[in-house]
Every structure is written in structure tokens, then in C-alpha cells.
Amino acid sequence: PRLDGAGEAVLLGFQKGDPGTRWQRPLATDAESPLGRTPRPGRQAVLHDGQLFVAFHDAGSNENHLEALDASTGATLWTSVLPHDPSDDVRAIAAGRRYLYVAHGSWLSVYAVQSGELVEVLGEPPRG
């Protein structure tokens, strides 16, 4: 790993009591990665009930995405596109038993935890 912040960012999976890495996969890079993901300030992740939910910007499509991973294997369970302007940084993610709440821009998007289906978008676009 480089200390200057350049290079590939990865997600790592661990198991309590096991000193080794269970799984590893790219998350973002300072340039386009093989997965086409680039970092932006404000990107968030939350671990809940065996699932890791990660928000990221896809440079290829210029869209913000939300991805659910199986925390024990790193496998993608589902990916959804966040609605609205891609410059809207994700400020927070909260997960419950049935729903996942994503605050971005002036909106709150609500997703089904199991499927990634967008259930509702709350909020108003900025006036100006």
C-alpha cells in the first residue's frame, strides 16, 4: 500500500478470532478501476445483519450506486442506482430489518433491504 493516498481501495472481510483476510475486492481507485468506481467525499457504508451496504460513484455511467454485499463472502447481493443528480454525495446510510435509508442531496431514498428495490424518495429538489 502507498501512503500518498494513491492506489486501489479495497473492501476486506474478516472473521472474529481469525487473523487472516476472509475476502477482498476492489472498491475504488484514484483513477478508474476495473469495476469503474471512483471515490468521492461523503461515500458511506454500513454493516447490518450480515450484509454490507456501500454507496459509490460509477465513473463509467456517472451515476451513484448502492450495493449490498454478503459480509461473510463479499459476494454482491444486489446493486441499485440512486435517483437524482450524480453530484449529490451520500451523507448517511441507515439499515433496519426491512428498509435501508440513504440520505443524499436533499433527499432520503428508501430501499427494500432484501431486493434493493427503491420503495420511496422523500424530499424536494433544491430551489434556485
Protein backbone atom coordinates (compact mmCIF):
# COMPACT_ATOMS: atom_id res chain seq x y z
CA PRO A 1 0.00 0.00 0.00
CA ARG A 2 1.10 3.54 -0.77
CA LEU A 3 0.96 6.21 1.91
CA ASP A 4 0.25 9.07 -0.51
CA GLY A 5 -3.40 8.04 -0.96
CA ALA A 6 -2.90 6.72 -4.49
CA GLY A 7 -3.71 3.19 -5.48
CA GLU A 8 -6.57 0.81 -5.17
CA ALA A 9 -9.04 0.97 -2.31
CA VAL A 10 -10.41 -2.39 -1.28
CA LEU A 11 -13.06 -3.86 0.95
CA LEU A 12 -11.73 -6.57 3.25
CA GLY A 13 -13.76 -9.23 5.04
CA PHE A 14 -12.64 -10.65 8.38
CA GLN A 15 -13.99 -13.16 10.86
CA LYS A 16 -13.66 -12.67 14.61
CA GLY A 17 -10.87 -14.84 16.00
CA ASP A 18 -9.29 -15.43 12.58
CA PRO A 19 -6.22 -13.23 11.92
CA GLY A 20 -6.43 -13.74 8.12
CA THR A 21 -8.43 -11.90 5.50
CA ARG A 22 -11.55 -13.84 4.56
CA TRP A 23 -12.22 -11.98 1.30
CA GLN A 24 -11.03 -8.92 -0.60
CA ARG A 25 -12.44 -6.93 -3.52
CA PRO A 26 -11.82 -3.54 -5.17
CA LEU A 27 -13.92 -0.62 -4.05
CA ALA A 28 -12.49 2.47 -5.74
CA THR A 29 -9.27 3.98 -7.02
CA ASP A 30 -7.92 7.44 -7.67
CA ALA A 31 -8.28 6.58 -11.36
CA GLU A 32 -10.87 4.35 -12.96
CA SER A 33 -10.70 0.83 -11.52
CA PRO A 34 -11.58 -2.44 -13.29
CA LEU A 35 -15.04 -2.01 -11.78
CA GLY A 36 -15.22 1.62 -12.95
CA ARG A 37 -15.57 3.02 -9.44
CA THR A 38 -14.07 6.29 -8.29
CA PRO A 39 -14.12 7.73 -4.80
CA ARG A 40 -15.94 10.90 -3.80
CA PRO A 41 -16.06 12.54 -0.39
CA GLY A 42 -19.06 11.52 1.64
CA ARG A 43 -19.37 7.96 0.38
CA GLN A 44 -20.73 5.73 3.09
CA ALA A 45 -21.01 2.10 4.16
CA VAL A 46 -22.94 0.33 6.90
CA LEU A 47 -22.85 -3.26 8.18
CA HIS A 48 -26.19 -4.72 9.26
CA ASP A 49 -27.38 -8.28 9.89
CA GLY A 50 -24.68 -9.97 7.79
CA GLN A 51 -24.90 -7.52 4.90
CA LEU A 52 -22.57 -4.66 3.99
CA PHE A 53 -24.25 -1.76 2.17
CA VAL A 54 -21.87 0.52 0.24
CA ALA A 55 -22.56 3.74 -1.71
CA PHE A 56 -20.19 4.59 -4.57
CA HIS A 57 -19.94 6.65 -7.76
CA ASP A 58 -19.64 4.74 -11.06
CA ALA A 59 -17.36 6.76 -13.36
CA GLY A 60 -18.49 4.92 -16.48
CA SER A 61 -22.17 5.74 -16.11
CA ASN A 62 -21.67 8.89 -13.96
CA GLU A 63 -24.26 7.53 -11.54
CA ASN A 64 -24.28 6.93 -7.81
CA HIS A 65 -24.94 3.35 -6.81
CA LEU A 66 -25.88 1.44 -3.70
CA GLU A 67 -24.58 -2.10 -3.40
CA ALA A 68 -25.40 -4.86 -0.92
CA LEU A 69 -22.71 -7.45 -0.19
CA ASP A 70 -22.81 -10.68 1.76
CA ALA A 71 -20.47 -9.77 4.62
CA SER A 72 -19.21 -13.35 5.00
CA THR A 73 -18.21 -13.86 1.34
CA GLY A 74 -18.02 -10.40 -0.27
CA ALA A 75 -20.46 -11.53 -2.97
CA THR A 76 -22.74 -8.88 -4.46
CA LEU A 77 -26.36 -9.44 -3.44
CA TRP A 78 -27.81 -6.52 -5.42
CA THR A 79 -26.93 -3.12 -6.87
CA SER A 80 -29.28 -0.14 -7.32
CA VAL A 81 -28.84 3.28 -8.90
CA LEU A 82 -29.50 6.23 -6.62
CA PRO A 83 -32.03 8.66 -8.08
CA HIS A 84 -31.31 12.32 -8.87
CA ASP A 85 -28.15 14.26 -9.57
CA PRO A 86 -24.89 12.24 -9.51
CA SER A 87 -23.16 15.16 -7.77
CA ASP A 88 -25.35 14.56 -4.70
CA ASP A 89 -23.00 12.98 -2.19
CA VAL A 90 -24.36 10.27 0.05
CA ARG A 91 -24.30 11.68 3.57
CA ALA A 92 -25.59 8.72 5.57
CA ILE A 93 -26.91 5.17 5.31
CA ALA A 94 -29.05 3.50 7.97
CA ALA A 95 -30.34 -0.06 7.85
CA GLY A 96 -33.29 -1.68 9.56
CA ARG A 97 -34.90 -5.08 9.32
CA ARG A 98 -36.93 -4.28 6.18
CA TYR A 99 -35.65 -0.98 4.83
CA LEU A 100 -32.42 0.80 4.02
CA TYR A 101 -32.39 4.62 4.27
CA VAL A 102 -29.95 6.67 2.17
CA ALA A 103 -29.58 10.44 2.71
CA HIS A 104 -28.19 12.20 -0.38
CA GLY A 105 -28.59 15.74 -1.66
CA SER A 106 -31.89 17.00 -0.24
CA TRP A 107 -33.50 13.57 -0.50
CA LEU A 108 -33.99 10.44 1.56
CA SER A 109 -34.25 7.31 -0.57
CA VAL A 110 -35.80 4.19 0.95
CA TYR A 111 -34.84 0.74 -0.38
CA ALA A 112 -36.01 -2.80 0.41
CA VAL A 113 -33.11 -4.47 2.27
CA GLN A 114 -33.57 -7.87 0.63
CA SER A 115 -34.01 -6.81 -3.02
CA GLY A 116 -32.56 -3.31 -3.39
CA GLU A 117 -35.86 -2.13 -4.85
CA LEU A 118 -36.40 1.62 -4.50
CA VAL A 119 -39.52 1.94 -2.34
CA GLU A 120 -39.82 5.72 -1.96
CA VAL A 121 -37.95 9.00 -2.36
CA LEU A 122 -38.67 11.74 0.16
CA GLY A 123 -37.67 15.37 -0.20
CA GLU A 124 -37.69 18.24 -2.62
CA PRO A 125 -35.18 19.31 -5.23
CA PRO A 126 -33.23 22.44 -4.35
CA ARG A 127 -34.88 25.66 -5.44
CA GLY A 128 -32.98 28.17 -7.39
